[in-house]
């Protein structure tokens, strides 16, 4: 599904960002801190689209899943500098504004 360059990303996450029943791939680019979506097309992945404009270098341990029980996959990650846990709620078409869900120590 890819011809190379995946080592430029960190924290690859499988999740259904667009709520179409297919697992997409989300990854943060090390050099720019941007978050990219690789949407599933049923046989592989489409070209990436930017869904986060920067700052994702400061996040680690990203994980996807429906943490808000609303049938949309969300993204959770740890802010490296503070150890705080943040939720980026899924909207069915992307991700909403982050919310702190855990204080330092993560």
PDB file of N, CA and C in Angstrom:
ATOM      1  N   UNK A   1       0.807  -1.214   0.000  1.00  0.00           N
ATOM      2  CA  UNK A   1       0.000   0.000   0.000  1.00  0.00           C
ATOM      3  C   UNK A   1       0.840   1.263   0.000  1.00  0.00           C
ATOM      4  N   UNK A   2       2.138   1.115   0.033  1.00  0.00           N
ATOM      5  CA  UNK A   2       3.001   2.292   0.013  1.00  0.00           C
ATOM      6  C   UNK A   2       4.327   1.947  -0.609  1.00  0.00           C
ATOM      7  N   UNK A   3       4.937   2.900  -1.291  1.00  0.00           N
ATOM      8  CA  UNK A   3       6.185   2.624  -1.993  1.00  0.00           C
ATOM      9  C   UNK A   3       7.410   3.164  -1.277  1.00  0.00           C
ATOM     10  N   UNK A   4       7.247   3.671  -0.077  1.00  0.00           N
ATOM     11  CA  UNK A   4       8.383   4.185   0.677  1.00  0.00           C
ATOM     12  C   UNK A   4       8.068   5.516   1.306  1.00  0.00           C
ATOM     13  N   UNK A   5       8.936   5.943   2.194  1.00  0.00           N
ATOM     14  CA  UNK A   5       8.763   7.225   2.853  1.00  0.00           C
ATOM     15  C   UNK A   5       7.987   7.177   4.152  1.00  0.00           C
ATOM     16  N   UNK A   6       7.542   6.001   4.544  1.00  0.00           N
ATOM     17  CA  UNK A   6       6.745   5.889   5.764  1.00  0.00           C
ATOM     18  C   UNK A   6       7.577   6.164   7.008  1.00  0.00           C
ATOM     19  N   UNK A   7       8.909   6.049   6.918  1.00  0.00           N
ATOM     20  CA  UNK A   7       9.760   6.325   8.078  1.00  0.00           C
ATOM     21  C   UNK A   7       9.832   7.817   8.390  1.00  0.00           C
ATOM     22  N   UNK A   8       9.227   8.656   7.547  1.00  0.00           N
ATOM     23  CA  UNK A   8       9.159  10.093   7.836  1.00  0.00           C
ATOM     24  C   UNK A   8       8.011  10.421   8.783  1.00  0.00           C
ATOM     25  N   UNK A   9       7.212   9.402   9.117  1.00  0.00           N
ATOM     26  CA  UNK A   9       6.053   9.590   9.995  1.00  0.00           C
ATOM     27  C   UNK A   9       6.287   8.915  11.333  1.00  0.00           C
ATOM     28  N   UNK A  10       5.583   9.413  12.353  1.00  0.00           N
ATOM     29  CA  UNK A  10       5.590   8.714  13.640  1.00  0.00           C
ATOM     30  C   UNK A  10       4.153   8.479  14.084  1.00  0.00           C
ATOM     31  N   UNK A  11       3.974   7.517  14.939  1.00  0.00           N
ATOM     32  CA  UNK A  11       2.675   7.180  15.509  1.00  0.00           C
ATOM     33  C   UNK A  11       1.606   6.947  14.449  1.00  0.00           C
ATOM     34  N   UNK A  12       1.813   5.971  13.586  1.00  0.00           N
ATOM     35  CA  UNK A  12       0.778   5.602  12.630  1.00  0.00           C
ATOM     36  C   UNK A  12      -0.401   4.977  13.372  1.00  0.00           C
ATOM     37  N   UNK A  13      -1.595   5.424  13.011  1.00  0.00           N
ATOM     38  CA  UNK A  13      -2.807   4.985  13.695  1.00  0.00           C
ATOM     39  C   UNK A  13      -3.822   4.513  12.666  1.00  0.00           C
ATOM     40  N   UNK A  14      -4.419   3.364  12.897  1.00  0.00           N
ATOM     41  CA  UNK A  14      -5.532   2.891  12.083  1.00  0.00           C
ATOM     42  C   UNK A  14      -6.834   3.299  12.740  1.00  0.00           C
ATOM     43  N   UNK A  15      -7.670   4.042  12.010  1.00  0.00           N
ATOM     44  CA  UNK A  15      -8.962   4.483  12.530  1.00  0.00           C
ATOM     45  C   UNK A  15      -9.839   4.910  11.360  1.00  0.00           C
ATOM     46  N   UNK A  16     -11.148   4.925  11.577  1.00  0.00           N
ATOM     47  CA  UNK A  16     -12.090   5.315  10.525  1.00  0.00           C
ATOM     48  C   UNK A  16     -12.416   6.793  10.686  1.00  0.00           C
ATOM     49  N   UNK A  17     -11.611   7.659  10.099  1.00  0.00           N
ATOM     50  CA  UNK A  17     -11.749   9.108  10.264  1.00  0.00           C
ATOM     51  C   UNK A  17     -13.036   9.632   9.639  1.00  0.00           C
ATOM     52  N   UNK A  18     -13.384   9.118   8.472  1.00  0.00           N
ATOM     53  CA  UNK A  18     -14.525   9.654   7.733  1.00  0.00           C
ATOM     54  C   UNK A  18     -15.814   8.841   7.899  1.00  0.00           C
ATOM     55  N   UNK A  19     -15.785   7.867   8.797  1.00  0.00           N
ATOM     56  CA  UNK A  19     -16.975   7.102   9.162  1.00  0.00           C
ATOM     57  C   UNK A  19     -17.619   6.391   7.973  1.00  0.00           C
ATOM     58  N   UNK A  20     -16.770   5.850   7.085  1.00  0.00           N
ATOM     59  CA  UNK A  20     -17.302   5.120   5.938  1.00  0.00           C
ATOM     60  C   UNK A  20     -17.193   3.609   6.092  1.00  0.00           C
ATOM     61  N   UNK A  21     -16.800   3.159   7.295  1.00  0.00           N
ATOM     62  CA  UNK A  21     -16.686   1.738   7.565  1.00  0.00           C
ATOM     63  C   UNK A  21     -15.353   1.131   7.157  1.00  0.00           C
ATOM     64  N   UNK A  22     -14.422   1.945   6.662  1.00  0.00           N
ATOM     65  CA  UNK A  22     -13.101   1.466   6.268  1.00  0.00           C
ATOM     66  C   UNK A  22     -12.041   2.081   7.177  1.00  0.00           C
ATOM     67  N   UNK A  23     -11.042   1.290   7.502  1.00  0.00           N
ATOM     68  CA  UNK A  23      -9.977   1.781   8.361  1.00  0.00           C
ATOM     69  C   UNK A  23      -8.989   2.611   7.556  1.00  0.00           C
ATOM     70  N   UNK A  24      -8.840   3.867   7.959  1.00  0.00           N
ATOM     71  CA  UNK A  24      -7.889   4.793   7.354  1.00  0.00           C
ATOM     72  C   UNK A  24      -6.609   4.770   8.178  1.00  0.00           C
ATOM     73  N   UNK A  25      -5.562   5.416   7.679  1.00  0.00           N
ATOM     74  CA  UNK A  25      -4.306   5.546   8.409  1.00  0.00           C
ATOM     75  C   UNK A  25      -4.041   7.030   8.650  1.00  0.00           C
ATOM     76  N   UNK A  26      -3.683   7.353   9.885  1.00  0.00           N
ATOM     77  CA  UNK A  26      -3.317   8.710  10.272  1.00  0.00           C
ATOM     78  C   UNK A  26      -1.890   8.657  10.786  1.00  0.00           C
ATOM     79  N   UNK A  27      -1.087   9.647  10.403  1.00  0.00           N
ATOM     80  CA  UNK A  27       0.293   9.694  10.872  1.00  0.00           C
ATOM     81  C   UNK A  27       0.802  11.118  10.955  1.00  0.00           C
ATOM     82  N   UNK A  28       1.692  11.351  11.900  1.00  0.00           N
ATOM     83  CA  UNK A  28       2.310  12.669  12.092  1.00  0.00           C
ATOM     84  C   UNK A  28       3.669  12.685  11.412  1.00  0.00           C
ATOM     85  N   UNK A  29       3.900  13.730  10.622  1.00  0.00           N
ATOM     86  CA  UNK A  29       5.168  13.869   9.908  1.00  0.00           C
ATOM     87  C   UNK A  29       6.221  14.471  10.836  1.00  0.00           C
ATOM     88  N   UNK A  30       7.340  13.804  10.986  1.00  0.00           N
ATOM     89  CA  UNK A  30       8.398  14.242  11.899  1.00  0.00           C
ATOM     90  C   UNK A  30       8.945  15.633  11.545  1.00  0.00           C
ATOM     91  N   UNK A  31       9.206  15.895  10.274  1.00  0.00           N
ATOM     92  CA  UNK A  31       9.891  17.126   9.886  1.00  0.00           C
ATOM     93  C   UNK A  31       9.025  18.376   9.993  1.00  0.00           C
ATOM     94  N   UNK A  32       7.732  18.252   9.782  1.00  0.00           N
ATOM     95  CA  UNK A  32       6.849  19.426   9.777  1.00  0.00           C
ATOM     96  C   UNK A  32       5.891  19.489  10.950  1.00  0.00           C
ATOM     97  N   UNK A  33       5.657  18.363  11.608  1.00  0.00           N
ATOM     98  CA  UNK A  33       4.682  18.316  12.693  1.00  0.00           C
ATOM     99  C   UNK A  33       3.248  18.281  12.205  1.00  0.00           C
ATOM    100  N   UNK A  34       3.056  18.096  10.906  1.00  0.00           N
ATOM    101  CA  UNK A  34       1.700  18.048  10.348  1.00  0.00           C
ATOM    102  C   UNK A  34       1.115  16.649  10.506  1.00  0.00           C
ATOM    103  N   UNK A  35      -0.223  16.601  10.614  1.00  0.00           N
ATOM    104  CA  UNK A  35      -0.944  15.339  10.720  1.00  0.00           C
ATOM    105  C   UNK A  35      -1.579  15.044   9.368  1.00  0.00           C
ATOM    106  N   UNK A  36      -1.368  13.817   8.884  1.00  0.00           N
ATOM    107  CA  UNK A  36      -1.880  13.442   7.572  1.00  0.00           C
ATOM    108  C   UNK A  36      -2.828  12.253   7.668  1.00  0.00           C
ATOM    109  N   UNK A  37      -3.826  12.273   6.791  1.00  0.00           N
ATOM    110  CA  UNK A  37      -4.791  11.191   6.646  1.00  0.00           C
ATOM    111  C   UNK A  37      -4.526  10.480   5.328  1.00  0.00           C
ATOM    112  N   UNK A  38      -4.432   9.156   5.407  1.00  0.00           N
ATOM    113  CA  UNK A  38      -4.366   8.305   4.230  1.00  0.00           C
ATOM    114  C   UNK A  38      -5.681   7.531   4.220  1.00  0.00           C
ATOM    115  N   UNK A  39      -6.631   8.015   3.447  1.00  0.00           N
ATOM    116  CA  UNK A  39      -7.981   7.454   3.414  1.00  0.00           C
ATOM    117  C   UNK A  39      -7.985   6.119   2.673  1.00  0.00           C
ATOM    118  N   UNK A  40      -8.663   5.144   3.266  1.00  0.00           N
ATOM    119  CA  UNK A  40      -8.808   3.844   2.626  1.00  0.00           C
ATOM    120  C   UNK A  40      -9.750   3.956   1.438  1.00  0.00           C
ATOM    121  N   UNK A  41      -9.404   3.260   0.360  1.00  0.00           N
ATOM    122  CA  UNK A  41     -10.294   3.215  -0.801  1.00  0.00           C
ATOM    123  C   UNK A  41     -10.857   1.817  -1.019  1.00  0.00           C
ATOM    124  N   UNK A  42     -10.659   0.941  -0.062  1.00  0.00           N
ATOM    125  CA  UNK A  42     -11.169  -0.423  -0.158  1.00  0.00           C
ATOM    126  C   UNK A  42     -10.160  -1.424  -0.686  1.00  0.00           C
ATOM    127  N   UNK A  43      -9.166  -0.960  -1.428  1.00  0.00           N
ATOM    128  CA  UNK A  43      -8.115  -1.843  -1.939  1.00  0.00           C
ATOM    129  C   UNK A  43      -6.731  -1.358  -1.549  1.00  0.00           C
ATOM    130  N   UNK A  44      -6.653  -0.221  -0.920  1.00  0.00           N
ATOM    131  CA  UNK A  44      -5.390   0.387  -0.514  1.00  0.00           C
ATOM    132  C   UNK A  44      -5.665   1.748   0.089  1.00  0.00           C
ATOM    133  N   UNK A  45      -4.711   2.649  -0.071  1.00  0.00           N
ATOM    134  CA  UNK A  45      -4.847   3.975   0.504  1.00  0.00           C
ATOM    135  C   UNK A  45      -4.742   5.042  -0.575  1.00  0.00           C
ATOM    136  N   UNK A  46      -5.560   6.078  -0.443  1.00  0.00           N
ATOM    137  CA  UNK A  46      -5.474   7.231  -1.334  1.00  0.00           C
ATOM    138  C   UNK A  46      -4.264   8.081  -0.957  1.00  0.00           C
ATOM    139  N   UNK A  47      -3.937   9.055  -1.804  1.00  0.00           N
ATOM    140  CA  UNK A  47      -2.878  10.014  -1.488  1.00  0.00           C
ATOM    141  C   UNK A  47      -3.222  10.733  -0.193  1.00  0.00           C
ATOM    142  N   UNK A  48      -2.231  11.128   0.535  1.00  0.00           N
ATOM    143  CA  UNK A  48      -2.457  11.745   1.840  1.00  0.00           C
ATOM    144  C   UNK A  48      -3.078  13.137   1.715  1.00  0.00           C
ATOM    145  N   UNK A  49      -3.834  13.492   2.757  1.00  0.00           N
ATOM    146  CA  UNK A  49      -4.366  14.842   2.882  1.00  0.00           C
ATOM    147  C   UNK A  49      -4.032  15.346   4.289  1.00  0.00           C
ATOM    148  N   UNK A  50      -3.718  16.618   4.385  1.00  0.00           N
ATOM    149  CA  UNK A  50      -3.356  17.215   5.665  1.00  0.00           C
ATOM    150  C   UNK A  50      -4.619  17.451   6.494  1.00  0.00           C
ATOM    151  N   UNK A  51      -4.612  16.949   7.734  1.00  0.00           N
ATOM    152  CA  UNK A  51      -5.750  17.182   8.630  1.00  0.00           C
ATOM    153  C   UNK A  51      -5.326  17.881   9.924  1.00  0.00           C
ATOM    154  N   UNK A  52      -4.041  18.159  10.063  1.00  0.00           N
ATOM    155  CA  UNK A  52      -3.518  18.889  11.212  1.00  0.00           C
ATOM    156  C   UNK A  52      -2.337  19.718  10.764  1.00  0.00           C
ATOM    157  N   UNK A  53      -2.394  21.023  10.986  1.00  0.00           N
ATOM    158  CA  UNK A  53      -1.424  21.933  10.374  1.00  0.00           C
ATOM    159  C   UNK A  53      -0.069  22.013  11.059  1.00  0.00           C
ATOM    160  N   UNK A  54       0.082  21.505  12.227  1.00  0.00           N
ATOM    161  CA  UNK A  54       1.385  21.539  12.884  1.00  0.00           C
ATOM    162  C   UNK A  54       1.263  21.264  14.368  1.00  0.00           C
ATOM    163  N   UNK A  55       2.411  21.057  14.996  1.00  0.00           N
ATOM    164  CA  UNK A  55       2.437  20.801  16.427  1.00  0.00           C
ATOM    165  C   UNK A  55       2.343  19.335  16.800  1.00  0.00           C
ATOM    166  N   UNK A  56       2.153  18.476  15.826  1.00  0.00           N
ATOM    167  CA  UNK A  56       2.009  17.056  16.141  1.00  0.00           C
ATOM    168  C   UNK A  56       3.338  16.411  16.508  1.00  0.00           C
ATOM    169  N   UNK A  57       4.460  17.110  16.304  1.00  0.00           N
ATOM    170  CA  UNK A  57       5.767  16.614  16.779  1.00  0.00           C
ATOM    171  C   UNK A  57       5.790  16.552  18.304  1.00  0.00           C
ATOM    172  N   UNK A  58       4.967  17.380  18.926  1.00  0.00           N
ATOM    173  CA  UNK A  58       4.942  17.434  20.388  1.00  0.00           C
ATOM    174  C   UNK A  58       4.031  16.366  20.986  1.00  0.00           C
ATOM    175  N   UNK A  59       3.419  15.544  20.136  1.00  0.00           N
ATOM    176  CA  UNK A  59       2.510  14.503  20.606  1.00  0.00           C
ATOM    177  C   UNK A  59       3.141  13.129  20.410  1.00  0.00           C
ATOM    178  N   UNK A  60       2.770  12.195  21.277  1.00  0.00           N
ATOM    179  CA  UNK A  60       3.250  10.820  21.154  1.00  0.00           C
ATOM    180  C   UNK A  60       2.143   9.865  21.580  1.00  0.00           C
ATOM    181  N   UNK A  61       2.384   8.607  21.350  1.00  0.00           N
ATOM    182  CA  UNK A  61       1.469   7.547  21.760  1.00  0.00           C
ATOM    183  C   UNK A  61       0.048   7.768  21.257  1.00  0.00           C
ATOM    184  N   UNK A  62      -0.084   8.144  19.989  1.00  0.00           N
ATOM    185  CA  UNK A  62      -1.404   8.362  19.400  1.00  0.00           C
ATOM    186  C   UNK A  62      -2.137   7.032  19.270  1.00  0.00           C
ATOM    187  N   UNK A  63      -3.441   7.070  19.538  1.00  0.00           N
ATOM    188  CA  UNK A  63      -4.283   5.889  19.397  1.00  0.00           C
ATOM    189  C   UNK A  63      -5.662   6.331  18.930  1.00  0.00           C
ATOM    190  N   UNK A  64      -6.280   5.532  18.085  1.00  0.00           N
ATOM    191  CA  UNK A  64      -7.605   5.855  17.565  1.00  0.00           C
ATOM    192  C   UNK A  64      -8.648   4.892  18.084  1.00  0.00           C
ATOM    193  N   UNK A  65      -9.880   5.363  18.167  1.00  0.00           N
ATOM    194  CA  UNK A  65     -11.009   4.541  18.604  1.00  0.00           C
ATOM    195  C   UNK A  65     -12.174   5.432  18.971  1.00  0.00           C
ATOM    196  N   UNK A  66     -13.321   4.833  19.181  1.00  0.00           N
ATOM    197  CA  UNK A  66     -14.511   5.602  19.548  1.00  0.00           C
ATOM    198  C   UNK A  66     -14.572   5.746  21.073  1.00  0.00           C
ATOM    199  N   UNK A  67     -13.866   6.730  21.588  1.00  0.00           N
ATOM    200  CA  UNK A  67     -13.790   6.943  23.033  1.00  0.00           C
ATOM    201  C   UNK A  67     -14.974   7.727  23.571  1.00  0.00           C
ATOM    202  N   UNK A  68     -15.750   8.356  22.703  1.00  0.00           N
ATOM    203  CA  UNK A  68     -16.884   9.178  23.133  1.00  0.00           C
ATOM    204  C   UNK A  68     -18.234   8.505  22.883  1.00  0.00           C
ATOM    205  N   UNK A  69     -18.206   7.274  22.405  1.00  0.00           N
ATOM    206  CA  UNK A  69     -19.416   6.469  22.177  1.00  0.00           C
ATOM    207  C   UNK A  69     -20.451   7.169  21.312  1.00  0.00           C
ATOM    208  N   UNK A  70     -19.979   7.800  20.217  1.00  0.00           N
ATOM    209  CA  UNK A  70     -20.913   8.470  19.310  1.00  0.00           C
ATOM    210  C   UNK A  70     -20.805   7.930  17.884  1.00  0.00           C
ATOM    211  N   UNK A  71     -20.185   6.782  17.709  1.00  0.00           N
ATOM    212  CA  UNK A  71     -20.015   6.103  16.422  1.00  0.00           C
ATOM    213  C   UNK A  71     -18.983   6.783  15.519  1.00  0.00           C
ATOM    214  N   UNK A  72     -18.221   7.745  16.030  1.00  0.00           N
ATOM    215  CA  UNK A  72     -17.127   8.374  15.281  1.00  0.00           C
ATOM    216  C   UNK A  72     -15.814   8.049  15.975  1.00  0.00           C
ATOM    217  N   UNK A  73     -14.812   7.624  15.201  1.00  0.00           N
ATOM    218  CA  UNK A  73     -13.501   7.370  15.798  1.00  0.00           C
ATOM    219  C   UNK A  73     -12.837   8.679  16.206  1.00  0.00           C
ATOM    220  N   UNK A  74     -12.250   8.671  17.380  1.00  0.00           N
ATOM    221  CA  UNK A  74     -11.549   9.811  17.962  1.00  0.00           C
ATOM    222  C   UNK A  74     -10.055   9.494  17.971  1.00  0.00           C
ATOM    223  N   UNK A  75      -9.246  10.504  18.229  1.00  0.00           N
ATOM    224  CA  UNK A  75      -7.804  10.336  18.357  1.00  0.00           C
ATOM    225  C   UNK A  75      -7.388  10.824  19.730  1.00  0.00           C
ATOM    226  N   UNK A  76      -6.560  10.031  20.408  1.00  0.00           N
ATOM    227  CA  UNK A  76      -6.046  10.388  21.731  1.00  0.00           C
ATOM    228  C   UNK A  76      -4.527  10.382  21.649  1.00  0.00           C
ATOM    229  N   UNK A  77      -3.896  11.344  22.329  1.00  0.00           N
ATOM    230  CA  UNK A  77      -2.445  11.405  22.328  1.00  0.00           C
ATOM    231  C   UNK A  77      -1.894  12.103  23.550  1.00  0.00           C
ATOM    232  N   UNK A  78      -0.638  11.845  23.821  1.00  0.00           N
ATOM    233  CA  UNK A  78       0.064  12.426  24.963  1.00  0.00           C
ATOM    234  C   UNK A  78       0.925  13.589  24.480  1.00  0.00           C
ATOM    235  N   UNK A  79       0.788  14.748  25.143  1.00  0.00           N
ATOM    236  CA  UNK A  79       1.668  15.870  24.872  1.00  0.00           C
ATOM    237  C   UNK A  79       2.985  15.596  25.590  1.00  0.00           C
ATOM    238  N   UNK A  80       4.050  15.425  24.830  1.00  0.00           N
ATOM    239  CA  UNK A  80       5.322  14.965  25.368  1.00  0.00           C
ATOM    240  C   UNK A  80       5.872  15.866  26.476  1.00  0.00           C
ATOM    241  N   UNK A  81       5.834  17.166  26.291  1.00  0.00           N
ATOM    242  CA  UNK A  81       6.432  18.103  27.251  1.00  0.00           C
ATOM    243  C   UNK A  81       5.716  18.117  28.593  1.00  0.00           C
ATOM    244  N   UNK A  82       4.399  17.938  28.591  1.00  0.00           N
ATOM    245  CA  UNK A  82       3.625  18.062  29.831  1.00  0.00           C
ATOM    246  C   UNK A  82       3.127  16.733  30.383  1.00  0.00           C
ATOM    247  N   UNK A  83       3.100  15.705  29.546  1.00  0.00           N
ATOM    248  CA  UNK A  83       2.545  14.423  29.967  1.00  0.00           C
ATOM    249  C   UNK A  83       1.031  14.428  30.032  1.00  0.00           C
ATOM    250  N   UNK A  84       0.385  15.465  29.498  1.00  0.00           N
ATOM    251  CA  UNK A  84      -1.078  15.545  29.510  1.00  0.00           C
ATOM    252  C   UNK A  84      -1.658  14.695  28.380  1.00  0.00           C
ATOM    253  N   UNK A  85      -2.825  14.149  28.649  1.00  0.00           N
ATOM    254  CA  UNK A  85      -3.533  13.325  27.680  1.00  0.00           C
ATOM    255  C   UNK A  85      -4.636  14.156  27.039  1.00  0.00           C
ATOM    256  N   UNK A  86      -4.682  14.143  25.699  1.00  0.00           N
ATOM    257  CA  UNK A  86      -5.665  14.939  24.969  1.00  0.00           C
ATOM    258  C   UNK A  86      -6.520  14.061  24.078  1.00  0.00           C
ATOM    259  N   UNK A  87      -7.780  14.441  23.972  1.00  0.00           N
ATOM    260  CA  UNK A  87      -8.736  13.811  23.069  1.00  0.00           C
ATOM    261  C   UNK A  87      -9.038  14.765  21.932  1.00  0.00           C
ATOM    262  N   UNK A  88      -8.968  14.254  20.710  1.00  0.00           N
ATOM    263  CA  UNK A  88      -9.366  14.978  19.510  1.00  0.00           C
ATOM    264  C   UNK A  88     -10.617  14.255  19.003  1.00  0.00           C
ATOM    265  N   UNK A  89     -11.803  14.797  19.289  1.00  0.00           N
ATOM    266  CA  UNK A  89     -13.034  14.060  18.977  1.00  0.00           C
ATOM    267  C   UNK A  89     -13.275  13.933  17.474  1.00  0.00           C
ATOM    268  N   UNK A  90     -13.708  12.753  17.074  1.00  0.00           N
ATOM    269  CA  UNK A  90     -14.061  12.524  15.684  1.00  0.00           C
ATOM    270  C   UNK A  90     -15.387  13.189  15.353  1.00  0.00           C
ATOM    271  N   UNK A  91     -15.458  13.744  14.154  1.00  0.00           N
ATOM    272  CA  UNK A  91     -16.675  14.425  13.724  1.00  0.00           C
ATOM    273  C   UNK A  91     -17.409  13.655  12.626  1.00  0.00           C
ATOM    274  N   UNK A  92     -16.817  12.576  12.145  1.00  0.00           N
ATOM    275  CA  UNK A  92     -17.370  11.847  11.016  1.00  0.00           C
ATOM    276  C   UNK A  92     -16.769  12.301   9.698  1.00  0.00           C
ATOM    277  N   UNK A  93     -16.149  13.478   9.705  1.00  0.00           N
ATOM    278  CA  UNK A  93     -15.456  13.976   8.510  1.00  0.00           C
ATOM    279  C   UNK A  93     -14.026  14.394   8.826  1.00  0.00           C
ATOM    280  N   UNK A  94     -13.641  14.375  10.076  1.00  0.00           N
ATOM    281  CA  UNK A  94     -12.309  14.793  10.509  1.00  0.00           C
ATOM    282  C   UNK A  94     -12.223  14.767  12.018  1.00  0.00           C
ATOM    283  N   UNK A  95     -11.417  15.670  12.565  1.00  0.00           N
ATOM    284  CA  UNK A  95     -11.213  15.741  14.013  1.00  0.00           C
ATOM    285  C   UNK A  95     -11.571  17.122  14.521  1.00  0.00           C
ATOM    286  N   UNK A  96     -12.185  17.176  15.707  1.00  0.00           N
ATOM    287  CA  UNK A  96     -12.538  18.439  16.334  1.00  0.00           C
ATOM    288  C   UNK A  96     -11.422  18.959  17.225  1.00  0.00           C
ATOM    289  N   UNK A  97     -11.688  20.068  17.882  1.00  0.00           N
ATOM    290  CA  UNK A  97     -10.718  20.704  18.780  1.00  0.00           C
ATOM    291  C   UNK A  97     -10.382  19.781  19.952  1.00  0.00           C
ATOM    292  N   UNK A  98      -9.124  19.815  20.352  1.00  0.00           N
ATOM    293  CA  UNK A  98      -8.682  18.927  21.415  1.00  0.00           C
ATOM    294  C   UNK A  98      -9.242  19.328  22.769  1.00  0.00           C
ATOM    295  N   UNK A  99      -9.362  18.308  23.630  1.00  0.00           N
ATOM    296  CA  UNK A  99      -9.827  18.492  24.998  1.00  0.00           C
ATOM    297  C   UNK A  99      -8.890  17.712  25.918  1.00  0.00           C
ATOM    298  N   UNK A 100      -8.445  18.355  26.980  1.00  0.00           N
ATOM    299  CA  UNK A 100      -7.587  17.664  27.950  1.00  0.00           C
ATOM    300  C   UNK A 100      -8.443  16.664  28.716  1.00  0.00           C
ATOM    301  N   UNK A 101      -7.992  15.405  28.734  1.00  0.00           N
ATOM    302  CA  UNK A 101      -8.742  14.376  29.462  1.00  0.00           C
ATOM    303  C   UNK A 101      -7.901  13.688  30.531  1.00  0.00           C
ATOM    304  N   UNK A 102      -6.630  14.103  30.662  1.00  0.00           N
ATOM    305  CA  UNK A 102      -5.761  13.549  31.685  1.00  0.00           C
ATOM    306  C   UNK A 102      -4.633  14.500  31.991  1.00  0.00           C
ATOM    307  N   UNK A 103      -4.433  14.782  33.283  1.00  0.00           N
ATOM    308  CA  UNK A 103      -3.339  15.682  33.654  1.00  0.00           C
ATOM    309  C   UNK A 103      -2.007  14.966  33.517  1.00  0.00           C
ATOM    310  N   UNK A 104      -0.903  15.622  33.857  1.00  0.00           N
ATOM    311  CA  UNK A 104       0.438  15.087  33.671  1.00  0.00           C
ATOM    312  C   UNK A 104       0.622  13.692  34.195  1.00  0.00           C
ATOM    313  N   UNK A 105       1.611  13.011  33.688  1.00  0.00           N
ATOM    314  CA  UNK A 105       1.949  11.682  34.141  1.00  0.00           C
ATOM    315  C   UNK A 105       1.680  10.590  33.126  1.00  0.00           C
ATOM    316  N   UNK A 106       1.157  10.955  31.978  1.00  0.00           N
ATOM    317  CA  UNK A 106       0.883   9.951  30.953  1.00  0.00           C
ATOM    318  C   UNK A 106       2.142   9.629  30.197  1.00  0.00           C
TER     319      UNK A 106
END
